[in-house]
Each structure stands twice: as C-alpha cells, then as structure tokens.
C-alpha cells in the first residue's frame, strides 16, 4: 500500500470543496451538480501527483493544495462532459449515476463549465496573494500554465477530439500514442510539472519527473483500456466493454490483451529507471506505477 498516495488523497478530499466559489441561491442547482460529481469519490491521482511532486522537490504541500484541488476540478469537469450522450453516453461513473442522468444534460454541461472556470478562479485568487513576492508568484504562474496547457487544445481537449474522430477507423500506432498522450498523459504530466514548479525543482529533476509522468500517463490509459475488457464493473465503478461497443482506438483492440500488458510493463520499468538516481526518495512515484501495473494482471 502506497502510504504517501493515501496521505495525499486524504489531503485532497479534506480540502476539495474549499476553493469552489460562493454561489447565489438562485444558481444553487448548478453548484449541487458540480458538488455531486466532485464528491463522488475517485482515485484523486492527479492531485496526489501534484502534491507528491511538490514534496519531492522540497516544497511544502500546504502551498500546493489549491492547485491540487484545481486540477481535480478540471478532471471532474472532463468526466462530466465525457459521459454526455454526445460523447461517450455513459450512465454510470464512480459507481453512481452520471451527472446528466441526475441533473439533465444542460445542467451537466454547465456544471462542467463551472468546475473548469472555478479551477482557474481558485489558482488566480491564490496568485493575487503573492503579488508583492515575485519569487513565489512566479512558481504559481508556472504551475497554473502547466495545468492550463495540459487541459487545453494542445493537451486533453486535443486528445479527446482525436479519440472521437478515430472511432470506427483503422488507427496507426502513431495516432494511438497521440490520442493517449494528449487525452490522458498530458494532464498527468501537468500535475507533476505543476507540483515540481511549486517545489522549485532543479531543471534535471523537472526533466526526469516529466519523462516519468509521460510513461505513467501512457501506462494509465493502456491499463484503463485493458480493464475495460477484463475488469469488474463493481470495482471500476463504470460499465465495461464500452470501448469495443464504440469501436474505439485502444491498445487491446490493436494489439490484444497480452501485448497491452507487456507495454504497461515496459513503461513501468522505464519510469522506474528514470527516477532510479533518487533511490528511496522516489518511492511514492515508483510504488504508484507498480501498483498500476499490478491492476492489469
């Protein structure tokens, strides 16, 4: 069991609602919709990685909680929108009914919009505190930029668009990696780099953490695709077999389950090797990706 991961997850859960803006009672429905999906559970992987990277680079976790929660707001918004009929059309997420099944499609869209903009409101509000402290302000600007880039049309949005356009088509290895890196890995890279900036990482450490995060992001998406075939719905909290129904471009579809498992193993070994110069100090990261690999066996 990764004790640091559980610690970072607990910190995230404790503060998850702290940075949502106060809303007028006349708009309470959209707030309840935002809160519904945000508090439905989940792995909290991205905020844990952000907090872990900050601490790894000798930063104080307390100074990065705002950004950890902000990246979870963005991730949750993406899930709400992914589940909509126009996207993946799912009715189960994290073991409960998807947002649009409870609040309707229009409110679900607005809840996603609300979470996305709340993330940047929270980060900008935090930056305003440090206007007279250029060093600490610069760290926060860099962290916010990494998150914005990872979530946008050069990251997650680009990957989601390519994923949709690839449905039902023959997909090359190059395109499959493009989809995975952008759709999933870029937000994981953003979390790690944002945390590293907040912890004032040295350039070499930032580069190594970035390479680790890309391997983790690819491994995470491939593992998710494997579990869509082999996993149990009760454990996953969502329906299985969705990728095959939609004829999505996935590693299992192109290369089969065993080759996909081998790819996860290769990415895991490479990620661990990247952080090997840090020995036991990198245990949080190495244990995390090992645990991910174990889920696919």
C-alpha atoms as a PDB file:
ATOM      1  CA  UNK A   1       0.000   0.000   0.000  1.00  0.00           C
ATOM      2  CA  UNK A   2       1.336   3.420  -1.013  1.00  0.00           C
ATOM      3  CA  UNK A   3       1.049   5.356   2.254  1.00  0.00           C
ATOM      4  CA  UNK A   4       2.063   8.667   0.682  1.00  0.00           C
ATOM      5  CA  UNK A   5      -0.589   8.273  -2.003  1.00  0.00           C
ATOM      6  CA  UNK A   6      -3.243   7.690   0.653  1.00  0.00           C
ATOM      7  CA  UNK A   7      -1.952  10.720   2.571  1.00  0.00           C
ATOM      8  CA  UNK A   8      -2.116  12.964  -0.486  1.00  0.00           C
ATOM      9  CA  UNK A   9      -5.549  11.628  -1.387  1.00  0.00           C
ATOM     10  CA  UNK A  10      -6.797  12.360   2.131  1.00  0.00           C
ATOM     11  CA  UNK A  11      -5.452  15.923   1.973  1.00  0.00           C
ATOM     12  CA  UNK A  12      -7.246  16.420  -1.348  1.00  0.00           C
ATOM     13  CA  UNK A  13     -10.536  15.057  -0.008  1.00  0.00           C
ATOM     14  CA  UNK A  14     -10.300  17.266   3.060  1.00  0.00           C
ATOM     15  CA  UNK A  15      -9.945  20.472   1.043  1.00  0.00           C
ATOM     16  CA  UNK A  16     -11.817  19.556  -2.140  1.00  0.00           C
ATOM     17  CA  UNK A  17     -14.741  21.928  -1.650  1.00  0.00           C
ATOM     18  CA  UNK A  18     -12.717  24.746  -0.086  1.00  0.00           C
ATOM     19  CA  UNK A  19     -11.956  26.524  -3.342  1.00  0.00           C
ATOM     20  CA  UNK A  20     -15.358  26.402  -5.013  1.00  0.00           C
ATOM     21  CA  UNK A  21     -16.733  29.949  -5.202  1.00  0.00           C
ATOM     22  CA  UNK A  22     -19.779  31.003  -3.237  1.00  0.00           C
ATOM     23  CA  UNK A  23     -22.830  30.996  -5.495  1.00  0.00           C
ATOM     24  CA  UNK A  24     -26.118  32.809  -5.343  1.00  0.00           C
ATOM     25  CA  UNK A  25     -29.025  30.705  -4.084  1.00  0.00           C
ATOM     26  CA  UNK A  26     -30.702  31.253  -7.455  1.00  0.00           C
ATOM     27  CA  UNK A  27     -27.875  29.254  -9.075  1.00  0.00           C
ATOM     28  CA  UNK A  28     -27.739  26.512  -6.449  1.00  0.00           C
ATOM     29  CA  UNK A  29     -28.719  23.728  -8.852  1.00  0.00           C
ATOM     30  CA  UNK A  30     -25.531  24.056 -10.865  1.00  0.00           C
ATOM     31  CA  UNK A  31     -23.482  24.148  -7.651  1.00  0.00           C
ATOM     32  CA  UNK A  32     -25.162  20.962  -6.420  1.00  0.00           C
ATOM     33  CA  UNK A  33     -24.444  19.368  -9.786  1.00  0.00           C
ATOM     34  CA  UNK A  34     -20.767  20.352  -9.542  1.00  0.00           C
ATOM     35  CA  UNK A  35     -20.579  19.071  -5.984  1.00  0.00           C
ATOM     36  CA  UNK A  36     -22.348  15.815  -6.903  1.00  0.00           C
ATOM     37  CA  UNK A  37     -19.638  14.711  -9.317  1.00  0.00           C
ATOM     38  CA  UNK A  38     -16.762  16.231  -7.372  1.00  0.00           C
ATOM     39  CA  UNK A  39     -17.577  14.326  -4.166  1.00  0.00           C
ATOM     40  CA  UNK A  40     -18.470  11.025  -5.849  1.00  0.00           C
ATOM     41  CA  UNK A  41     -15.078   9.544  -4.998  1.00  0.00           C
ATOM     42  CA  UNK A  42     -12.364   8.598  -7.443  1.00  0.00           C
ATOM     43  CA  UNK A  43      -8.660   7.885  -7.376  1.00  0.00           C
ATOM     44  CA  UNK A  44      -7.581  11.552  -6.980  1.00  0.00           C
ATOM     45  CA  UNK A  45      -4.490  10.570  -8.963  1.00  0.00           C
ATOM     46  CA  UNK A  46      -3.707  13.971 -10.447  1.00  0.00           C
ATOM     47  CA  UNK A  47      -3.873  15.967  -7.199  1.00  0.00           C
ATOM     48  CA  UNK A  48      -1.861  13.261  -5.431  1.00  0.00           C
ATOM     49  CA  UNK A  49       0.818  13.507  -8.122  1.00  0.00           C
ATOM     50  CA  UNK A  50       0.893  17.285  -7.826  1.00  0.00           C
ATOM     51  CA  UNK A  51       1.269  17.175  -4.048  1.00  0.00           C
ATOM     52  CA  UNK A  52       3.813  14.367  -4.297  1.00  0.00           C
ATOM     53  CA  UNK A  53       5.926  16.224  -6.856  1.00  0.00           C
ATOM     54  CA  UNK A  54       5.893  19.374  -4.735  1.00  0.00           C
ATOM     55  CA  UNK A  55       7.061  17.463  -1.666  1.00  0.00           C
ATOM     56  CA  UNK A  56       9.629  15.508  -3.691  1.00  0.00           C
ATOM     57  CA  UNK A  57      11.157  18.828  -4.776  1.00  0.00           C
ATOM     58  CA  UNK A  58      11.351  20.020  -1.145  1.00  0.00           C
ATOM     59  CA  UNK A  59       8.249  22.190  -1.304  1.00  0.00           C
ATOM     60  CA  UNK A  60       5.544  22.424   1.345  1.00  0.00           C
ATOM     61  CA  UNK A  61       2.393  20.514   0.497  1.00  0.00           C
ATOM     62  CA  UNK A  62       0.314  23.215   2.188  1.00  0.00           C
ATOM     63  CA  UNK A  63       1.395  25.669  -0.513  1.00  0.00           C
ATOM     64  CA  UNK A  64       0.129  23.481  -3.339  1.00  0.00           C
ATOM     65  CA  UNK A  65      -3.304  22.351  -2.097  1.00  0.00           C
ATOM     66  CA  UNK A  66      -5.120  24.996  -4.139  1.00  0.00           C
ATOM     67  CA  UNK A  67      -3.519  23.705  -7.346  1.00  0.00           C
ATOM     68  CA  UNK A  68      -4.142  20.073  -6.417  1.00  0.00           C
ATOM     69  CA  UNK A  69      -7.845  20.768  -5.949  1.00  0.00           C
ATOM     70  CA  UNK A  70      -7.949  22.874  -9.114  1.00  0.00           C
ATOM     71  CA  UNK A  71      -6.614  20.033 -11.239  1.00  0.00           C
ATOM     72  CA  UNK A  72      -9.217  17.698  -9.741  1.00  0.00           C
ATOM     73  CA  UNK A  73     -11.927  20.229 -10.652  1.00  0.00           C
ATOM     74  CA  UNK A  74     -10.682  20.131 -14.242  1.00  0.00           C
ATOM     75  CA  UNK A  75     -10.504  16.344 -14.284  1.00  0.00           C
ATOM     76  CA  UNK A  76     -14.040  16.058 -12.907  1.00  0.00           C
ATOM     77  CA  UNK A  77     -15.364  18.526 -15.482  1.00  0.00           C
ATOM     78  CA  UNK A  78     -13.834  16.371 -18.213  1.00  0.00           C
ATOM     79  CA  UNK A  79     -15.571  13.271 -16.842  1.00  0.00           C
ATOM     80  CA  UNK A  80     -18.958  15.013 -16.727  1.00  0.00           C
ATOM     81  CA  UNK A  81     -18.585  16.055 -20.351  1.00  0.00           C
ATOM     82  CA  UNK A  82     -17.156  12.671 -21.417  1.00  0.00           C
ATOM     83  CA  UNK A  83     -20.268  10.941 -20.088  1.00  0.00           C
ATOM     84  CA  UNK A  84     -22.719  13.099 -22.075  1.00  0.00           C
ATOM     85  CA  UNK A  85     -24.754  11.499 -24.883  1.00  0.00           C
ATOM     86  CA  UNK A  86     -22.802  13.491 -27.479  1.00  0.00           C
ATOM     87  CA  UNK A  87     -19.551  11.991 -26.181  1.00  0.00           C
ATOM     88  CA  UNK A  88     -19.365   8.508 -24.587  1.00  0.00           C
ATOM     89  CA  UNK A  89     -23.028   8.380 -23.497  1.00  0.00           C
ATOM     90  CA  UNK A  90     -22.399   6.634 -20.156  1.00  0.00           C
ATOM     91  CA  UNK A  91     -24.896   6.309 -17.341  1.00  0.00           C
ATOM     92  CA  UNK A  92     -22.514   5.153 -14.580  1.00  0.00           C
ATOM     93  CA  UNK A  93     -19.427   6.889 -13.197  1.00  0.00           C
ATOM     94  CA  UNK A  94     -17.569   6.186  -9.949  1.00  0.00           C
ATOM     95  CA  UNK A  95     -20.317   3.737  -9.031  1.00  0.00           C
ATOM     96  CA  UNK A  96     -23.204   6.218  -9.227  1.00  0.00           C
ATOM     97  CA  UNK A  97     -25.420   7.676 -11.944  1.00  0.00           C
ATOM     98  CA  UNK A  98     -23.624  10.071 -14.261  1.00  0.00           C
ATOM     99  CA  UNK A  99     -24.265  13.762 -13.800  1.00  0.00           C
ATOM    100  CA  UNK A 100     -26.594  14.226 -16.760  1.00  0.00           C
ATOM    101  CA  UNK A 101     -28.721  11.273 -15.631  1.00  0.00           C
ATOM    102  CA  UNK A 102     -29.410  13.102 -12.363  1.00  0.00           C
ATOM    103  CA  UNK A 103     -29.452  16.779 -13.365  1.00  0.00           C
ATOM    104  CA  UNK A 104     -30.149  16.653 -17.102  1.00  0.00           C
ATOM    105  CA  UNK A 105     -27.823  17.373 -19.995  1.00  0.00           C
ATOM    106  CA  UNK A 106     -27.986  21.172 -19.856  1.00  0.00           C
ATOM    107  CA  UNK A 107     -27.109  21.441 -16.158  1.00  0.00           C
ATOM    108  CA  UNK A 108     -24.399  18.779 -16.569  1.00  0.00           C
ATOM    109  CA  UNK A 109     -22.760  20.844 -19.321  1.00  0.00           C
ATOM    110  CA  UNK A 110     -22.918  23.941 -17.124  1.00  0.00           C
ATOM    111  CA  UNK A 111     -21.574  22.018 -14.113  1.00  0.00           C
ATOM    112  CA  UNK A 112     -18.561  21.009 -16.175  1.00  0.00           C
ATOM    113  CA  UNK A 113     -18.117  24.609 -17.289  1.00  0.00           C
ATOM    114  CA  UNK A 114     -18.434  25.723 -13.674  1.00  0.00           C
ATOM    115  CA  UNK A 115     -15.753  23.327 -12.449  1.00  0.00           C
ATOM    116  CA  UNK A 116     -13.339  24.300 -15.226  1.00  0.00           C
ATOM    117  CA  UNK A 117     -13.665  28.017 -14.563  1.00  0.00           C
ATOM    118  CA  UNK A 118     -13.630  27.508 -10.779  1.00  0.00           C
ATOM    119  CA  UNK A 119     -10.226  25.847 -11.134  1.00  0.00           C
ATOM    120  CA  UNK A 120      -8.732  28.955 -12.709  1.00  0.00           C
ATOM    121  CA  UNK A 121     -10.568  31.272 -10.324  1.00  0.00           C
ATOM    122  CA  UNK A 122      -9.012  29.369  -7.408  1.00  0.00           C
ATOM    123  CA  UNK A 123      -5.494  29.467  -8.857  1.00  0.00           C
ATOM    124  CA  UNK A 124      -5.716  33.147  -9.781  1.00  0.00           C
ATOM    125  CA  UNK A 125      -7.067  34.030  -6.351  1.00  0.00           C
ATOM    126  CA  UNK A 126      -4.072  32.265  -4.828  1.00  0.00           C
ATOM    127  CA  UNK A 127      -1.679  34.157  -7.106  1.00  0.00           C
ATOM    128  CA  UNK A 128      -3.153  37.504  -6.064  1.00  0.00           C
ATOM    129  CA  UNK A 129      -1.921  36.865  -2.522  1.00  0.00           C
ATOM    130  CA  UNK A 130       1.692  36.849  -3.754  1.00  0.00           C
ATOM    131  CA  UNK A 131       1.707  39.949  -5.960  1.00  0.00           C
ATOM    132  CA  UNK A 132       4.399  41.520  -3.762  1.00  0.00           C
ATOM    133  CA  UNK A 133       6.504  38.347  -3.705  1.00  0.00           C
ATOM    134  CA  UNK A 134       7.808  37.788  -7.273  1.00  0.00           C
ATOM    135  CA  UNK A 135       9.616  34.522  -6.481  1.00  0.00           C
ATOM    136  CA  UNK A 136       6.594  32.751  -5.042  1.00  0.00           C
ATOM    137  CA  UNK A 137       4.285  34.347  -7.588  1.00  0.00           C
ATOM    138  CA  UNK A 138       6.400  33.053 -10.476  1.00  0.00           C
ATOM    139  CA  UNK A 139       6.156  29.479  -9.149  1.00  0.00           C
ATOM    140  CA  UNK A 140       2.373  29.739  -9.077  1.00  0.00           C
ATOM    141  CA  UNK A 141       2.137  31.256 -12.553  1.00  0.00           C
ATOM    142  CA  UNK A 142       4.237  28.401 -13.907  1.00  0.00           C
ATOM    143  CA  UNK A 143       2.072  25.822 -12.136  1.00  0.00           C
ATOM    144  CA  UNK A 144      -1.112  27.384 -13.491  1.00  0.00           C
ATOM    145  CA  UNK A 145       0.342  27.486 -17.004  1.00  0.00           C
ATOM    146  CA  UNK A 146       1.228  23.787 -16.893  1.00  0.00           C
ATOM    147  CA  UNK A 147      -2.321  22.917 -15.841  1.00  0.00           C
ATOM    148  CA  UNK A 148      -3.900  25.158 -18.496  1.00  0.00           C
ATOM    149  CA  UNK A 149      -1.678  23.715 -21.212  1.00  0.00           C
ATOM    150  CA  UNK A 150      -2.352  20.124 -20.180  1.00  0.00           C
ATOM    151  CA  UNK A 151      -6.114  20.673 -20.147  1.00  0.00           C
ATOM    152  CA  UNK A 152      -6.423  22.633 -23.371  1.00  0.00           C
ATOM    153  CA  UNK A 153      -6.371  22.243 -27.127  1.00  0.00           C
ATOM    154  CA  UNK A 154      -2.696  21.202 -27.043  1.00  0.00           C
ATOM    155  CA  UNK A 155      -3.465  18.545 -24.425  1.00  0.00           C
ATOM    156  CA  UNK A 156      -6.573  16.827 -23.124  1.00  0.00           C
ATOM    157  CA  UNK A 157      -9.048  18.521 -25.470  1.00  0.00           C
ATOM    158  CA  UNK A 158      -6.891  17.674 -28.489  1.00  0.00           C
ATOM    159  CA  UNK A 159      -6.697  14.036 -27.400  1.00  0.00           C
ATOM    160  CA  UNK A 160     -10.427  13.794 -26.836  1.00  0.00           C
ATOM    161  CA  UNK A 161     -11.143  15.255 -30.261  1.00  0.00           C
ATOM    162  CA  UNK A 162      -8.734  12.822 -31.935  1.00  0.00           C
ATOM    163  CA  UNK A 163     -10.244   9.954 -29.929  1.00  0.00           C
ATOM    164  CA  UNK A 164     -13.729  10.763 -31.200  1.00  0.00           C
ATOM    165  CA  UNK A 165     -12.586  11.150 -34.791  1.00  0.00           C
ATOM    166  CA  UNK A 166     -10.729   7.804 -34.639  1.00  0.00           C
ATOM    167  CA  UNK A 167     -13.839   5.820 -33.687  1.00  0.00           C
ATOM    168  CA  UNK A 168     -14.594   3.119 -36.238  1.00  0.00           C
ATOM    169  CA  UNK A 169     -11.415   3.802 -38.219  1.00  0.00           C
ATOM    170  CA  UNK A 170      -8.144   1.984 -38.685  1.00  0.00           C
ATOM    171  CA  UNK A 171      -5.722   3.684 -36.315  1.00  0.00           C
ATOM    172  CA  UNK A 172      -1.942   3.745 -36.657  1.00  0.00           C
ATOM    173  CA  UNK A 173       0.420   3.241 -33.727  1.00  0.00           C
ATOM    174  CA  UNK A 174       1.469   6.880 -34.078  1.00  0.00           C
ATOM    175  CA  UNK A 175      -2.118   8.125 -33.879  1.00  0.00           C
ATOM    176  CA  UNK A 176      -2.927   5.825 -30.963  1.00  0.00           C
ATOM    177  CA  UNK A 177       0.011   7.195 -28.970  1.00  0.00           C
ATOM    178  CA  UNK A 178      -1.021  10.742 -29.903  1.00  0.00           C
ATOM    179  CA  UNK A 179      -4.523  10.116 -28.535  1.00  0.00           C
ATOM    180  CA  UNK A 180      -3.247   8.543 -25.318  1.00  0.00           C
ATOM    181  CA  UNK A 181      -0.546  11.146 -24.663  1.00  0.00           C
ATOM    182  CA  UNK A 182      -2.908  14.056 -25.188  1.00  0.00           C
ATOM    183  CA  UNK A 183      -6.132  12.648 -23.759  1.00  0.00           C
ATOM    184  CA  UNK A 184      -4.631  11.194 -20.585  1.00  0.00           C
ATOM    185  CA  UNK A 185      -0.883  11.649 -20.189  1.00  0.00           C
ATOM    186  CA  UNK A 186      -0.810  15.430 -20.664  1.00  0.00           C
ATOM    187  CA  UNK A 187      -2.911  16.114 -17.561  1.00  0.00           C
ATOM    188  CA  UNK A 188      -0.740  13.704 -15.563  1.00  0.00           C
ATOM    189  CA  UNK A 189       2.377  15.462 -16.868  1.00  0.00           C
ATOM    190  CA  UNK A 190       0.764  18.798 -15.993  1.00  0.00           C
ATOM    191  CA  UNK A 191       0.091  17.652 -12.425  1.00  0.00           C
ATOM    192  CA  UNK A 192       3.678  16.524 -11.907  1.00  0.00           C
ATOM    193  CA  UNK A 193       5.244  19.577 -13.526  1.00  0.00           C
ATOM    194  CA  UNK A 194       2.954  21.962 -11.639  1.00  0.00           C
ATOM    195  CA  UNK A 195       3.886  20.343  -8.348  1.00  0.00           C
ATOM    196  CA  UNK A 196       7.560  20.412  -9.275  1.00  0.00           C
ATOM    197  CA  UNK A 197       7.394  24.134 -10.044  1.00  0.00           C
ATOM    198  CA  UNK A 198       5.690  24.795  -6.717  1.00  0.00           C
ATOM    199  CA  UNK A 199       8.514  22.898  -5.045  1.00  0.00           C
ATOM    200  CA  UNK A 200      11.216  24.761  -7.010  1.00  0.00           C
ATOM    201  CA  UNK A 201      12.562  21.735  -8.858  1.00  0.00           C
ATOM    202  CA  UNK A 202      16.025  21.785 -10.346  1.00  0.00           C
ATOM    203  CA  UNK A 203      15.997  21.566 -14.189  1.00  0.00           C
ATOM    204  CA  UNK A 204      17.257  17.952 -14.293  1.00  0.00           C
ATOM    205  CA  UNK A 205      14.697  16.850 -11.712  1.00  0.00           C
ATOM    206  CA  UNK A 206      11.913  18.566 -13.662  1.00  0.00           C
ATOM    207  CA  UNK A 207      13.012  16.776 -16.854  1.00  0.00           C
ATOM    208  CA  UNK A 208      13.123  13.379 -15.137  1.00  0.00           C
ATOM    209  CA  UNK A 209       9.739  13.887 -13.497  1.00  0.00           C
ATOM    210  CA  UNK A 210       8.285  14.896 -16.873  1.00  0.00           C
ATOM    211  CA  UNK A 211       9.603  11.737 -18.544  1.00  0.00           C
ATOM    212  CA  UNK A 212       8.302   9.633 -15.660  1.00  0.00           C
ATOM    213  CA  UNK A 213       4.868  11.259 -15.928  1.00  0.00           C
ATOM    214  CA  UNK A 214       4.637  10.593 -19.670  1.00  0.00           C
ATOM    215  CA  UNK A 215       5.343   6.907 -19.051  1.00  0.00           C
ATOM    216  CA  UNK A 216       2.820   6.845 -16.222  1.00  0.00           C
ATOM    217  CA  UNK A 217       0.187   8.595 -18.343  1.00  0.00           C
ATOM    218  CA  UNK A 218       0.554   6.139 -21.226  1.00  0.00           C
ATOM    219  CA  UNK A 219       0.582   3.171 -18.860  1.00  0.00           C
ATOM    220  CA  UNK A 220      -2.501   4.502 -17.067  1.00  0.00           C
ATOM    221  CA  UNK A 221      -4.528   4.806 -20.279  1.00  0.00           C
ATOM    222  CA  UNK A 222      -3.473   1.389 -21.577  1.00  0.00           C
ATOM    223  CA  UNK A 223      -4.300  -0.149 -18.190  1.00  0.00           C
ATOM    224  CA  UNK A 224      -7.704   1.539 -18.277  1.00  0.00           C
ATOM    225  CA  UNK A 225      -8.309   0.083 -21.741  1.00  0.00           C
ATOM    226  CA  UNK A 226      -7.296  -3.381 -20.522  1.00  0.00           C
ATOM    227  CA  UNK A 227      -9.672  -3.150 -17.563  1.00  0.00           C
ATOM    228  CA  UNK A 228     -12.478  -2.098 -19.907  1.00  0.00           C
ATOM    229  CA  UNK A 229     -12.132  -5.623 -21.302  1.00  0.00           C
ATOM    230  CA  UNK A 230     -11.113  -7.680 -18.258  1.00  0.00           C
ATOM    231  CA  UNK A 231     -12.208  -5.674 -15.204  1.00  0.00           C
ATOM    232  CA  UNK A 232     -15.215  -5.941 -12.920  1.00  0.00           C
ATOM    233  CA  UNK A 233     -17.841  -3.203 -13.131  1.00  0.00           C
ATOM    234  CA  UNK A 234     -18.293  -3.184  -9.359  1.00  0.00           C
ATOM    235  CA  UNK A 235     -14.600  -2.407  -8.835  1.00  0.00           C
ATOM    236  CA  UNK A 236     -14.305   0.066 -11.717  1.00  0.00           C
ATOM    237  CA  UNK A 237     -17.482   1.963 -10.872  1.00  0.00           C
ATOM    238  CA  UNK A 238     -18.444   2.134 -14.553  1.00  0.00           C
ATOM    239  CA  UNK A 239     -19.595  -0.141 -17.349  1.00  0.00           C
ATOM    240  CA  UNK A 240     -17.101  -2.409 -19.095  1.00  0.00           C
ATOM    241  CA  UNK A 241     -16.929  -3.128 -22.814  1.00  0.00           C
ATOM    242  CA  UNK A 242     -17.689   0.470 -23.783  1.00  0.00           C
ATOM    243  CA  UNK A 243     -14.578   0.825 -25.945  1.00  0.00           C
ATOM    244  CA  UNK A 244     -15.492  -2.203 -28.059  1.00  0.00           C
ATOM    245  CA  UNK A 245     -19.089  -1.042 -28.448  1.00  0.00           C
ATOM    246  CA  UNK A 246     -17.907   2.290 -29.794  1.00  0.00           C
ATOM    247  CA  UNK A 247     -15.081   0.715 -31.810  1.00  0.00           C
ATOM    248  CA  UNK A 248     -12.564   2.981 -30.116  1.00  0.00           C
ATOM    249  CA  UNK A 249      -8.859   3.032 -30.869  1.00  0.00           C
ATOM    250  CA  UNK A 250      -7.214   1.224 -27.937  1.00  0.00           C
ATOM    251  CA  UNK A 251      -4.140  -0.914 -27.322  1.00  0.00           C
ATOM    252  CA  UNK A 252      -6.206  -4.068 -26.674  1.00  0.00           C
ATOM    253  CA  UNK A 253      -8.153  -3.510 -29.907  1.00  0.00           C
ATOM    254  CA  UNK A 254      -4.999  -3.090 -31.977  1.00  0.00           C
ATOM    255  CA  UNK A 255      -2.567  -5.447 -30.229  1.00  0.00           C
ATOM    256  CA  UNK A 256      -4.531  -7.699 -27.901  1.00  0.00           C
ATOM    257  CA  UNK A 257      -4.537  -8.004 -24.115  1.00  0.00           C
ATOM    258  CA  UNK A 258      -1.160  -9.715 -23.648  1.00  0.00           C
ATOM    259  CA  UNK A 259       0.768  -7.241 -25.811  1.00  0.00           C
ATOM    260  CA  UNK A 260      -1.009  -4.428 -23.978  1.00  0.00           C
ATOM    261  CA  UNK A 261       0.053  -5.845 -20.621  1.00  0.00           C
ATOM    262  CA  UNK A 262       3.602  -6.141 -21.919  1.00  0.00           C
ATOM    263  CA  UNK A 263       3.532  -2.481 -22.966  1.00  0.00           C
ATOM    264  CA  UNK A 264       2.383  -1.433 -19.472  1.00  0.00           C
ATOM    265  CA  UNK A 265       5.243  -3.472 -18.008  1.00  0.00           C
ATOM    266  CA  UNK A 266       7.773  -1.833 -20.350  1.00  0.00           C
ATOM    267  CA  UNK A 267       6.530   1.646 -19.483  1.00  0.00           C
ATOM    268  CA  UNK A 268       6.657   0.787 -15.774  1.00  0.00           C
ATOM    269  CA  UNK A 269      10.254  -0.426 -15.955  1.00  0.00           C
ATOM    270  CA  UNK A 270      11.294   2.635 -17.932  1.00  0.00           C
ATOM    271  CA  UNK A 271       9.581   5.017 -15.488  1.00  0.00           C
ATOM    272  CA  UNK A 272      11.302   3.383 -12.512  1.00  0.00           C
ATOM    273  CA  UNK A 273      14.668   3.571 -14.281  1.00  0.00           C
ATOM    274  CA  UNK A 274      14.162   7.285 -14.996  1.00  0.00           C
ATOM    275  CA  UNK A 275      13.859   8.008 -11.266  1.00  0.00           C
ATOM    276  CA  UNK A 276      16.490   5.493 -10.132  1.00  0.00           C
ATOM    277  CA  UNK A 277      19.081   8.227  -9.301  1.00  0.00           C
ATOM    278  CA  UNK A 278      16.788   9.333  -6.459  1.00  0.00           C
ATOM    279  CA  UNK A 279      16.679   5.897  -4.826  1.00  0.00           C
ATOM    280  CA  UNK A 280      14.179   5.640  -1.954  1.00  0.00           C
ATOM    281  CA  UNK A 281      13.258   9.313  -2.213  1.00  0.00           C
ATOM    282  CA  UNK A 282      11.231   8.420  -5.314  1.00  0.00           C
ATOM    283  CA  UNK A 283       9.339   5.603  -3.601  1.00  0.00           C
ATOM    284  CA  UNK A 284       5.975   7.376  -3.897  1.00  0.00           C
ATOM    285  CA  UNK A 285       6.309   7.517  -7.675  1.00  0.00           C
ATOM    286  CA  UNK A 286       7.782   4.066  -8.225  1.00  0.00           C
ATOM    287  CA  UNK A 287       5.271   2.337  -5.971  1.00  0.00           C
ATOM    288  CA  UNK A 288       2.411   4.154  -7.663  1.00  0.00           C
ATOM    289  CA  UNK A 289       3.259   2.935 -11.155  1.00  0.00           C
ATOM    290  CA  UNK A 290       3.987  -0.600  -9.879  1.00  0.00           C
ATOM    291  CA  UNK A 291       0.545  -0.684  -8.278  1.00  0.00           C
ATOM    292  CA  UNK A 292      -0.944   0.420 -11.606  1.00  0.00           C
ATOM    293  CA  UNK A 293       0.806  -2.409 -13.431  1.00  0.00           C
ATOM    294  CA  UNK A 294      -0.450  -4.923 -10.863  1.00  0.00           C
ATOM    295  CA  UNK A 295      -4.057  -3.919 -11.605  1.00  0.00           C
ATOM    296  CA  UNK A 296      -3.732  -5.223 -15.173  1.00  0.00           C
ATOM    297  CA  UNK A 297      -2.548  -8.741 -14.227  1.00  0.00           C
END
